[in-house]
Amino acid sequence: MKHTLLIMVLGFGLAFAGQASAQCFADYKAKQDNPLRLQYGIVELPDHACGSRAAASEYVRQVVARAGWTLLQIESIFDASEFQRRSADAGAIHRR
């Protein structure tokens, strides 16, 4: 009985440990028309959008649209270890 309880507790702990995920970001290019303006930016992605460019594109498209921009493309998806270097390229105004 003690072994069964121990196995259940360990299994439960491992199940929830897998749910903790690393922070991820996407860098993107977007545009506005009339007059034409181009933007390079970085956005933090929710967990569900970290796994693929398609999911990241859908999320970022909604984020930049709220500010009047049209997403052109996702450049890449990366983790927190790359954030510092890339955010210097984006500038403070383009980090969402």
PDB file of N, CA and C in Angstrom:
ATOM      1  N   MET A   1       0.823  -1.195   0.000  1.00  0.00           N
ATOM      2  CA  MET A   1       0.000   0.000   0.000  1.00  0.00           C
ATOM      3  C   MET A   1       0.871   1.265   0.000  1.00  0.00           C
ATOM      4  N   LYS A   2       1.938   1.244   0.802  1.00  0.00           N
ATOM      5  CA  LYS A   2       2.813   2.409   0.858  1.00  0.00           C
ATOM      6  C   LYS A   2       3.493   2.641  -0.483  1.00  0.00           C
ATOM      7  N   HIS A   3       3.863   1.558  -1.153  1.00  0.00           N
ATOM      8  CA  HIS A   3       4.515   1.687  -2.456  1.00  0.00           C
ATOM      9  C   HIS A   3       3.562   2.269  -3.495  1.00  0.00           C
ATOM     10  N   THR A   4       2.307   1.846  -3.440  1.00  0.00           N
ATOM     11  CA  THR A   4       1.309   2.358  -4.382  1.00  0.00           C
ATOM     12  C   THR A   4       1.105   3.850  -4.167  1.00  0.00           C
ATOM     13  N   LEU A   5       1.007   4.260  -2.912  1.00  0.00           N
ATOM     14  CA  LEU A   5       0.833   5.674  -2.598  1.00  0.00           C
ATOM     15  C   LEU A   5       2.045   6.480  -3.044  1.00  0.00           C
ATOM     16  N   LEU A   6       3.236   5.953  -2.804  1.00  0.00           N
ATOM     17  CA  LEU A   6       4.459   6.636  -3.211  1.00  0.00           C
ATOM     18  C   LEU A   6       4.519   6.790  -4.730  1.00  0.00           C
ATOM     19  N   ILE A   7       4.169   5.745  -5.451  1.00  0.00           N
ATOM     20  CA  ILE A   7       4.168   5.803  -6.917  1.00  0.00           C
ATOM     21  C   ILE A   7       3.150   6.825  -7.410  1.00  0.00           C
ATOM     22  N   MET A   8       1.977   6.866  -6.783  1.00  0.00           N
ATOM     23  CA  MET A   8       0.949   7.837  -7.189  1.00  0.00           C
ATOM     24  C   MET A   8       1.425   9.263  -6.940  1.00  0.00           C
ATOM     25  N   VAL A   9       2.045   9.508  -5.795  1.00  0.00           N
ATOM     26  CA  VAL A   9       2.534  10.848  -5.462  1.00  0.00           C
ATOM     27  C   VAL A   9       3.634  11.268  -6.432  1.00  0.00           C
ATOM     28  N   LEU A  10       4.566  10.371  -6.719  1.00  0.00           N
ATOM     29  CA  LEU A  10       5.635  10.686  -7.668  1.00  0.00           C
ATOM     30  C   LEU A  10       5.076  10.938  -9.065  1.00  0.00           C
ATOM     31  N   GLY A  11       4.132  10.127  -9.492  1.00  0.00           N
ATOM     32  CA  GLY A  11       3.516  10.318 -10.806  1.00  0.00           C
ATOM     33  C   GLY A  11       2.797  11.652 -10.893  1.00  0.00           C
ATOM     34  N   PHE A  12       2.087  12.011  -9.837  1.00  0.00           N
ATOM     35  CA  PHE A  12       1.379  13.289  -9.795  1.00  0.00           C
ATOM     36  C   PHE A  12       2.368  14.453  -9.866  1.00  0.00           C
ATOM     37  N   GLY A  13       3.460  14.342  -9.116  1.00  0.00           N
ATOM     38  CA  GLY A  13       4.480  15.395  -9.133  1.00  0.00           C
ATOM     39  C   GLY A  13       5.130  15.546 -10.489  1.00  0.00           C
ATOM     40  N   LEU A  14       5.428  14.436 -11.136  1.00  0.00           N
ATOM     41  CA  LEU A  14       6.036  14.496 -12.466  1.00  0.00           C
ATOM     42  C   LEU A  14       5.080  15.071 -13.500  1.00  0.00           C
ATOM     43  N   ALA A  15       3.808  14.777 -13.358  1.00  0.00           N
ATOM     44  CA  ALA A  15       2.822  15.306 -14.304  1.00  0.00           C
ATOM     45  C   ALA A  15       2.786  16.826 -14.246  1.00  0.00           C
ATOM     46  N   PHE A  16       2.833  17.382 -13.046  1.00  0.00           N
ATOM     47  CA  PHE A  16       2.787  18.833 -12.930  1.00  0.00           C
ATOM     48  C   PHE A  16       4.132  19.491 -13.200  1.00  0.00           C
ATOM     49  N   ALA A  17       5.218  18.778 -12.998  1.00  0.00           N
ATOM     50  CA  ALA A  17       6.540  19.333 -13.302  1.00  0.00           C
ATOM     51  C   ALA A  17       6.683  19.558 -14.792  1.00  0.00           C
ATOM     52  N   GLY A  18       6.089  18.731 -15.611  1.00  0.00           N
ATOM     53  CA  GLY A  18       6.158  18.881 -17.062  1.00  0.00           C
ATOM     54  C   GLY A  18       5.389  20.078 -17.574  1.00  0.00           C
ATOM     55  N   GLN A  19       4.451  20.576 -16.770  1.00  0.00           N
ATOM     56  CA  GLN A  19       3.652  21.707 -17.214  1.00  0.00           C
ATOM     57  C   GLN A  19       4.392  23.030 -17.110  1.00  0.00           C
ATOM     58  N   ALA A  20       5.415  23.089 -16.290  1.00  0.00           N
ATOM     59  CA  ALA A  20       6.205  24.316 -16.202  1.00  0.00           C
ATOM     60  C   ALA A  20       7.037  24.415 -17.476  1.00  0.00           C
ATOM     61  N   SER A  21       6.897  25.517 -18.181  1.00  0.00           N
ATOM     62  CA  SER A  21       7.609  25.620 -19.452  1.00  0.00           C
ATOM     63  C   SER A  21       8.491  26.856 -19.472  1.00  0.00           C
ATOM     64  N   ALA A  22       9.422  26.838 -20.369  1.00  0.00           N
ATOM     65  CA  ALA A  22      10.344  27.960 -20.507  1.00  0.00           C
ATOM     66  C   ALA A  22       9.653  29.107 -21.227  1.00  0.00           C
ATOM     67  N   GLN A  23      10.072  30.290 -20.927  1.00  0.00           N
ATOM     68  CA  GLN A  23       9.575  31.493 -21.564  1.00  0.00           C
ATOM     69  C   GLN A  23      10.081  31.525 -23.000  1.00  0.00           C
ATOM     70  N   CYS A  24       9.216  31.896 -23.946  1.00  0.00           N
ATOM     71  CA  CYS A  24       9.690  31.998 -25.321  1.00  0.00           C
ATOM     72  C   CYS A  24       9.191  33.296 -25.958  1.00  0.00           C
ATOM     73  N   PHE A  25       9.888  33.709 -26.989  1.00  0.00           N
ATOM     74  CA  PHE A  25       9.637  34.967 -27.672  1.00  0.00           C
ATOM     75  C   PHE A  25       9.688  34.741 -29.174  1.00  0.00           C
ATOM     76  N   ALA A  26       9.116  35.673 -29.913  1.00  0.00           N
ATOM     77  CA  ALA A  26       9.236  35.653 -31.372  1.00  0.00           C
ATOM     78  C   ALA A  26       9.652  37.042 -31.820  1.00  0.00           C
ATOM     79  N   ASP A  27      10.552  37.101 -32.789  1.00  0.00           N
ATOM     80  CA  ASP A  27      10.813  38.387 -33.419  1.00  0.00           C
ATOM     81  C   ASP A  27      10.098  38.374 -34.765  1.00  0.00           C
ATOM     82  N   TYR A  28       9.611  39.539 -35.153  1.00  0.00           N
ATOM     83  CA  TYR A  28       8.725  39.627 -36.303  1.00  0.00           C
ATOM     84  C   TYR A  28       8.987  40.895 -37.093  1.00  0.00           C
ATOM     85  N   LYS A  29       8.443  40.926 -38.296  1.00  0.00           N
ATOM     86  CA  LYS A  29       8.412  42.134 -39.112  1.00  0.00           C
ATOM     87  C   LYS A  29       6.953  42.444 -39.401  1.00  0.00           C
ATOM     88  N   ALA A  30       6.620  43.728 -39.328  1.00  0.00           N
ATOM     89  CA  ALA A  30       5.248  44.170 -39.566  1.00  0.00           C
ATOM     90  C   ALA A  30       5.285  45.471 -40.358  1.00  0.00           C
ATOM     91  N   LYS A  31       4.118  45.855 -40.882  1.00  0.00           N
ATOM     92  CA  LYS A  31       4.045  47.098 -41.660  1.00  0.00           C
ATOM     93  C   LYS A  31       2.754  47.842 -41.364  1.00  0.00           C
ATOM     94  N   GLN A  32       2.772  49.122 -41.681  1.00  0.00           N
ATOM     95  CA  GLN A  32       1.588  49.976 -41.733  1.00  0.00           C
ATOM     96  C   GLN A  32       1.600  50.645 -43.092  1.00  0.00           C
ATOM     97  N   ASP A  33       0.414  50.884 -43.646  1.00  0.00           N
ATOM     98  CA  ASP A  33       0.306  51.569 -44.934  1.00  0.00           C
ATOM     99  C   ASP A  33      -0.134  53.015 -44.737  1.00  0.00           C
ATOM    100  N   ASN A  34       0.114  53.824 -45.746  1.00  0.00           N
ATOM    101  CA  ASN A  34      -0.338  55.229 -45.831  1.00  0.00           C
ATOM    102  C   ASN A  34       0.067  56.075 -44.636  1.00  0.00           C
ATOM    103  N   PRO A  35       1.269  56.449 -44.475  1.00  0.00           N
ATOM    104  CA  PRO A  35       2.444  56.138 -45.281  1.00  0.00           C
ATOM    105  C   PRO A  35       3.009  54.779 -44.865  1.00  0.00           C
ATOM    106  N   LEU A  36       3.773  54.183 -45.747  1.00  0.00           N
ATOM    107  CA  LEU A  36       4.382  52.889 -45.470  1.00  0.00           C
ATOM    108  C   LEU A  36       5.405  53.025 -44.346  1.00  0.00           C
ATOM    109  N   ARG A  37       5.232  52.196 -43.319  1.00  0.00           N
ATOM    110  CA  ARG A  37       6.182  52.132 -42.204  1.00  0.00           C
ATOM    111  C   ARG A  37       6.462  50.664 -41.924  1.00  0.00           C
ATOM    112  N   LEU A  38       7.705  50.343 -41.667  1.00  0.00           N
ATOM    113  CA  LEU A  38       8.104  48.977 -41.352  1.00  0.00           C
ATOM    114  C   LEU A  38       8.578  48.905 -39.910  1.00  0.00           C
ATOM    115  N   GLN A  39       8.373  47.752 -39.297  1.00  0.00           N
ATOM    116  CA  GLN A  39       8.716  47.577 -37.894  1.00  0.00           C
ATOM    117  C   GLN A  39       9.343  46.204 -37.679  1.00  0.00           C
ATOM    118  N   TYR A  40      10.385  46.166 -36.861  1.00  0.00           N
ATOM    119  CA  TYR A  40      10.935  44.916 -36.339  1.00  0.00           C
ATOM    120  C   TYR A  40      10.623  44.922 -34.860  1.00  0.00           C
ATOM    121  N   GLY A  41      10.057  43.848 -34.349  1.00  0.00           N
ATOM    122  CA  GLY A  41       9.719  43.817 -32.939  1.00  0.00           C
ATOM    123  C   GLY A  41       9.857  42.435 -32.342  1.00  0.00           C
ATOM    124  N   ILE A  42       9.709  42.390 -31.028  1.00  0.00           N
ATOM    125  CA  ILE A  42       9.758  41.144 -30.270  1.00  0.00           C
ATOM    126  C   ILE A  42       8.517  41.077 -29.404  1.00  0.00           C
ATOM    127  N   VAL A  43       7.913  39.908 -29.366  1.00  0.00           N
ATOM    128  CA  VAL A  43       6.741  39.706 -28.525  1.00  0.00           C
ATOM    129  C   VAL A  43       6.926  38.419 -27.721  1.00  0.00           C
ATOM    130  N   GLU A  44       6.498  38.455 -26.457  1.00  0.00           N
ATOM    131  CA  GLU A  44       6.532  37.249 -25.638  1.00  0.00           C
ATOM    132  C   GLU A  44       5.346  36.384 -26.026  1.00  0.00           C
ATOM    133  N   LEU A  45       5.583  35.111 -26.233  1.00  0.00           N
ATOM    134  CA  LEU A  45       4.537  34.193 -26.668  1.00  0.00           C
ATOM    135  C   LEU A  45       3.960  33.418 -25.484  1.00  0.00           C
ATOM    136  N   PRO A  46       2.658  33.134 -25.524  1.00  0.00           N
ATOM    137  CA  PRO A  46       2.100  32.216 -24.530  1.00  0.00           C
ATOM    138  C   PRO A  46       2.570  30.794 -24.848  1.00  0.00           C
ATOM    139  N   ASP A  47       2.445  29.898 -23.893  1.00  0.00           N
ATOM    140  CA  ASP A  47       2.933  28.526 -24.072  1.00  0.00           C
ATOM    141  C   ASP A  47       2.389  27.866 -25.333  1.00  0.00           C
ATOM    142  N   HIS A  48       1.112  28.069 -25.627  1.00  0.00           N
ATOM    143  CA  HIS A  48       0.509  27.374 -26.775  1.00  0.00           C
ATOM    144  C   HIS A  48       1.070  27.843 -28.120  1.00  0.00           C
ATOM    145  N   ALA A  49       1.722  28.990 -28.145  1.00  0.00           N
ATOM    146  CA  ALA A  49       2.252  29.526 -29.406  1.00  0.00           C
ATOM    147  C   ALA A  49       3.750  29.284 -29.573  1.00  0.00           C
ATOM    148  N   CYS A  50       4.378  28.646 -28.615  1.00  0.00           N
ATOM    149  CA  CYS A  50       5.834  28.444 -28.671  1.00  0.00           C
ATOM    150  C   CYS A  50       6.258  27.309 -29.596  1.00  0.00           C
ATOM    151  N   GLY A  51       5.368  26.399 -29.901  1.00  0.00           N
ATOM    152  CA  GLY A  51       5.756  25.186 -30.595  1.00  0.00           C
ATOM    153  C   GLY A  51       5.887  25.270 -32.093  1.00  0.00           C
ATOM    154  N   SER A  52       5.272  26.269 -32.728  1.00  0.00           N
ATOM    155  CA  SER A  52       5.329  26.320 -34.194  1.00  0.00           C
ATOM    156  C   SER A  52       5.231  27.755 -34.691  1.00  0.00           C
ATOM    157  N   ARG A  53       5.739  27.976 -35.877  1.00  0.00           N
ATOM    158  CA  ARG A  53       5.640  29.307 -36.492  1.00  0.00           C
ATOM    159  C   ARG A  53       4.185  29.664 -36.788  1.00  0.00           C
ATOM    160  N   ALA A  54       3.387  28.672 -37.166  1.00  0.00           N
ATOM    161  CA  ALA A  54       1.979  28.939 -37.472  1.00  0.00           C
ATOM    162  C   ALA A  54       1.245  29.446 -36.232  1.00  0.00           C
ATOM    163  N   ALA A  55       1.452  28.797 -35.098  1.00  0.00           N
ATOM    164  CA  ALA A  55       0.808  29.228 -33.855  1.00  0.00           C
ATOM    165  C   ALA A  55       1.339  30.590 -33.420  1.00  0.00           C
ATOM    166  N   ALA A  56       2.637  30.794 -33.549  1.00  0.00           N
ATOM    167  CA  ALA A  56       3.228  32.088 -33.201  1.00  0.00           C
ATOM    168  C   ALA A  56       2.689  33.184 -34.115  1.00  0.00           C
ATOM    169  N   SER A  57       2.574  32.899 -35.401  1.00  0.00           N
ATOM    170  CA  SER A  57       2.061  33.891 -36.357  1.00  0.00           C
ATOM    171  C   SER A  57       0.646  34.317 -36.008  1.00  0.00           C
ATOM    172  N   GLU A  58      -0.190  33.355 -35.666  1.00  0.00           N
ATOM    173  CA  GLU A  58      -1.579  33.675 -35.324  1.00  0.00           C
ATOM    174  C   GLU A  58      -1.639  34.576 -34.099  1.00  0.00           C
ATOM    175  N   TYR A  59      -0.844  34.267 -33.090  1.00  0.00           N
ATOM    176  CA  TYR A  59      -0.836  35.077 -31.878  1.00  0.00           C
ATOM    177  C   TYR A  59      -0.284  36.479 -32.150  1.00  0.00           C
ATOM    178  N   VAL A  60       0.870  36.564 -32.808  1.00  0.00           N
ATOM    179  CA  VAL A  60       1.509  37.859 -33.067  1.00  0.00           C
ATOM    180  C   VAL A  60       0.641  38.707 -33.991  1.00  0.00           C
ATOM    181  N   ARG A  61      -0.012  38.090 -34.960  1.00  0.00           N
ATOM    182  CA  ARG A  61      -0.906  38.819 -35.867  1.00  0.00           C
ATOM    183  C   ARG A  61      -1.964  39.589 -35.066  1.00  0.00           C
ATOM    184  N   GLN A  62      -2.537  38.942 -34.060  1.00  0.00           N
ATOM    185  CA  GLN A  62      -3.550  39.593 -33.227  1.00  0.00           C
ATOM    186  C   GLN A  62      -2.953  40.715 -32.384  1.00  0.00           C
ATOM    187  N   VAL A  63      -1.767  40.478 -31.840  1.00  0.00           N
ATOM    188  CA  VAL A  63      -1.120  41.486 -30.988  1.00  0.00           C
ATOM    189  C   VAL A  63      -0.798  42.751 -31.782  1.00  0.00           C
ATOM    190  N   VAL A  64      -0.163  42.609 -32.939  1.00  0.00           N
ATOM    191  CA  VAL A  64       0.238  43.796 -33.698  1.00  0.00           C
ATOM    192  C   VAL A  64      -0.962  44.478 -34.352  1.00  0.00           C
ATOM    193  N   ALA A  65      -2.010  43.717 -34.657  1.00  0.00           N
ATOM    194  CA  ALA A  65      -3.210  44.314 -35.256  1.00  0.00           C
ATOM    195  C   ALA A  65      -3.876  45.294 -34.293  1.00  0.00           C
ATOM    196  N   ARG A  66      -3.808  45.011 -33.007  1.00  0.00           N
ATOM    197  CA  ARG A  66      -4.404  45.929 -32.017  1.00  0.00           C
ATOM    198  C   ARG A  66      -3.742  47.303 -32.056  1.00  0.00           C
ATOM    199  N   ALA A  67      -2.498  47.357 -32.516  1.00  0.00           N
ATOM    200  CA  ALA A  67      -1.774  48.628 -32.615  1.00  0.00           C
ATOM    201  C   ALA A  67      -1.795  49.179 -34.041  1.00  0.00           C
ATOM    202  N   GLY A  68      -2.580  48.549 -34.939  1.00  0.00           N
ATOM    203  CA  GLY A  68      -2.711  49.061 -36.299  1.00  0.00           C
ATOM    204  C   GLY A  68      -1.660  48.571 -37.277  1.00  0.00           C
ATOM    205  N   TRP A  69      -0.965  47.489 -36.956  1.00  0.00           N
ATOM    206  CA  TRP A  69       0.079  46.939 -37.815  1.00  0.00           C
ATOM    207  C   TRP A  69      -0.402  45.656 -38.468  1.00  0.00           C
ATOM    208  N   THR A  70       0.210  45.313 -39.595  1.00  0.00           N
ATOM    209  CA  THR A  70      -0.050  44.058 -40.298  1.00  0.00           C
ATOM    210  C   THR A  70       1.211  43.207 -40.225  1.00  0.00           C
ATOM    211  N   LEU A  71       1.076  41.986 -39.728  1.00  0.00           N
ATOM    212  CA  LEU A  71       2.227  41.093 -39.624  1.00  0.00           C
ATOM    213  C   LEU A  71       2.690  40.678 -41.009  1.00  0.00           C
ATOM    214  N   LEU A  72       3.985  40.818 -41.257  1.00  0.00           N
ATOM    215  CA  LEU A  72       4.574  40.341 -42.508  1.00  0.00           C
ATOM    216  C   LEU A  72       5.128  38.933 -42.333  1.00  0.00           C
ATOM    217  N   GLN A  73       5.914  38.731 -41.272  1.00  0.00           N
ATOM    218  CA  GLN A  73       6.469  37.394 -41.034  1.00  0.00           C
ATOM    219  C   GLN A  73       7.041  37.272 -39.640  1.00  0.00           C
ATOM    220  N   ILE A  74       7.110  36.035 -39.181  1.00  0.00           N
ATOM    221  CA  ILE A  74       7.828  35.694 -37.961  1.00  0.00           C
ATOM    222  C   ILE A  74       9.256  35.378 -38.383  1.00  0.00           C
ATOM    223  N   GLU A  75      10.202  36.063 -37.807  1.00  0.00           N
ATOM    224  CA  GLU A  75      11.609  35.818 -38.127  1.00  0.00           C
ATOM    225  C   GLU A  75      12.101  34.540 -37.453  1.00  0.00           C
ATOM    226  N   SER A  76      11.847  34.423 -36.150  1.00  0.00           N
ATOM    227  CA  SER A  76      12.278  33.235 -35.416  1.00  0.00           C
ATOM    228  C   SER A  76      11.571  33.179 -34.072  1.00  0.00           C
ATOM    229  N   ILE A  77      11.629  32.008 -33.465  1.00  0.00           N
ATOM    230  CA  ILE A  77      11.124  31.789 -32.113  1.00  0.00           C
ATOM    231  C   ILE A  77      12.336  31.407 -31.269  1.00  0.00           C
ATOM    232  N   PHE A  78      12.474  32.032 -30.092  1.00  0.00           N
ATOM    233  CA  PHE A  78      13.665  31.797 -29.275  1.00  0.00           C
ATOM    234  C   PHE A  78      13.315  31.877 -27.805  1.00  0.00           C
ATOM    235  N   ASP A  79      14.238  31.443 -26.957  1.00  0.00           N
ATOM    236  CA  ASP A  79      13.992  31.431 -25.523  1.00  0.00           C
ATOM    237  C   ASP A  79      14.632  32.643 -24.841  1.00  0.00           C
ATOM    238  N   ALA A  80      14.516  32.672 -23.532  1.00  0.00           N
ATOM    239  CA  ALA A  80      14.986  33.823 -22.757  1.00  0.00           C
ATOM    240  C   ALA A  80      16.489  34.054 -22.882  1.00  0.00           C
ATOM    241  N   SER A  81      17.255  33.011 -23.171  1.00  0.00           N
ATOM    242  CA  SER A  81      18.704  33.187 -23.284  1.00  0.00           C
ATOM    243  C   SER A  81      19.088  34.084 -24.468  1.00  0.00           C
ATOM    244  N   GLU A  82      18.247  34.156 -25.477  1.00  0.00           N
ATOM    245  CA  GLU A  82      18.507  35.000 -26.655  1.00  0.00           C
ATOM    246  C   GLU A  82      17.856  36.383 -26.541  1.00  0.00           C
ATOM    247  N   PHE A  83      16.969  36.542 -25.559  1.00  0.00           N
ATOM    248  CA  PHE A  83      16.169  37.769 -25.481  1.00  0.00           C
ATOM    249  C   PHE A  83      17.018  39.026 -25.364  1.00  0.00           C
ATOM    250  N   GLN A  84      18.014  39.018 -24.504  1.00  0.00           N
ATOM    251  CA  GLN A  84      18.811  40.224 -24.259  1.00  0.00           C
ATOM    252  C   GLN A  84      19.462  40.742 -25.535  1.00  0.00           C
ATOM    253  N   ARG A  85      20.089  39.850 -26.276  1.00  0.00           N
ATOM    254  CA  ARG A  85      20.778  40.264 -27.506  1.00  0.00           C
ATOM    255  C   ARG A  85      19.788  40.799 -28.540  1.00  0.00           C
ATOM    256  N   ARG A  86      18.699  40.104 -28.722  1.00  0.00           N
ATOM    257  CA  ARG A  86      17.741  40.502 -29.755  1.00  0.00           C
ATOM    258  C   ARG A  86      16.943  41.740 -29.369  1.00  0.00           C
ATOM    259  N   SER A  87      16.678  41.919 -28.086  1.00  0.00           N
ATOM    260  CA  SER A  87      15.907  43.092 -27.681  1.00  0.00           C
ATOM    261  C   SER A  87      16.694  44.375 -27.898  1.00  0.00           C
ATOM    262  N   ALA A  88      18.007  44.303 -27.875  1.00  0.00           N
ATOM    263  CA  ALA A  88      18.821  45.484 -28.184  1.00  0.00           C
ATOM    264  C   ALA A  88      18.594  45.912 -29.630  1.00  0.00           C
ATOM    265  N   ASP A  89      18.390  44.954 -30.524  1.00  0.00           N
ATOM    266  CA  ASP A  89      18.108  45.267 -31.923  1.00  0.00           C
ATOM    267  C   ASP A  89      16.715  45.857 -32.104  1.00  0.00           C
ATOM    268  N   ALA A  90      15.773  45.395 -31.288  1.00  0.00           N
ATOM    269  CA  ALA A  90      14.385  45.824 -31.456  1.00  0.00           C
ATOM    270  C   ALA A  90      14.145  47.221 -30.906  1.00  0.00           C
ATOM    271  N   GLY A  91      14.804  47.592 -29.833  1.00  0.00           N
ATOM    272  CA  GLY A  91      14.541  48.872 -29.200  1.00  0.00           C
ATOM    273  C   GLY A  91      13.336  48.763 -28.278  1.00  0.00           C
ATOM    274  N   ALA A  92      13.257  49.611 -27.287  1.00  0.00           N
ATOM    275  CA  ALA A  92      12.230  49.512 -26.249  1.00  0.00           C
ATOM    276  C   ALA A  92      10.814  49.632 -26.796  1.00  0.00           C
ATOM    277  N   ILE A  93      10.609  50.459 -27.787  1.00  0.00           N
ATOM    278  CA  ILE A  93       9.254  50.689 -28.277  1.00  0.00           C
ATOM    279  C   ILE A  93       8.676  49.470 -28.993  1.00  0.00           C
ATOM    280  N   HIS A  94       9.521  48.572 -29.449  1.00  0.00           N
ATOM    281  CA  HIS A  94       9.039  47.444 -30.237  1.00  0.00           C
ATOM    282  C   HIS A  94       9.019  46.130 -29.478  1.00  0.00           C
ATOM    283  N   ARG A  95       9.163  46.189 -28.152  1.00  0.00           N
ATOM    284  CA  ARG A  95       9.024  44.984 -27.337  1.00  0.00           C
ATOM    285  C   ARG A  95       7.640  45.007 -26.728  1.00  0.00           C
ATOM    286  N   ARG A  96       6.853  43.993 -26.997  1.00  0.00           N
ATOM    287  CA  ARG A  96       5.469  43.938 -26.499  1.00  0.00           C
ATOM    288  C   ARG A  96       5.321  42.845 -25.469  1.00  0.00           C
TER     289      ARG A  96
END
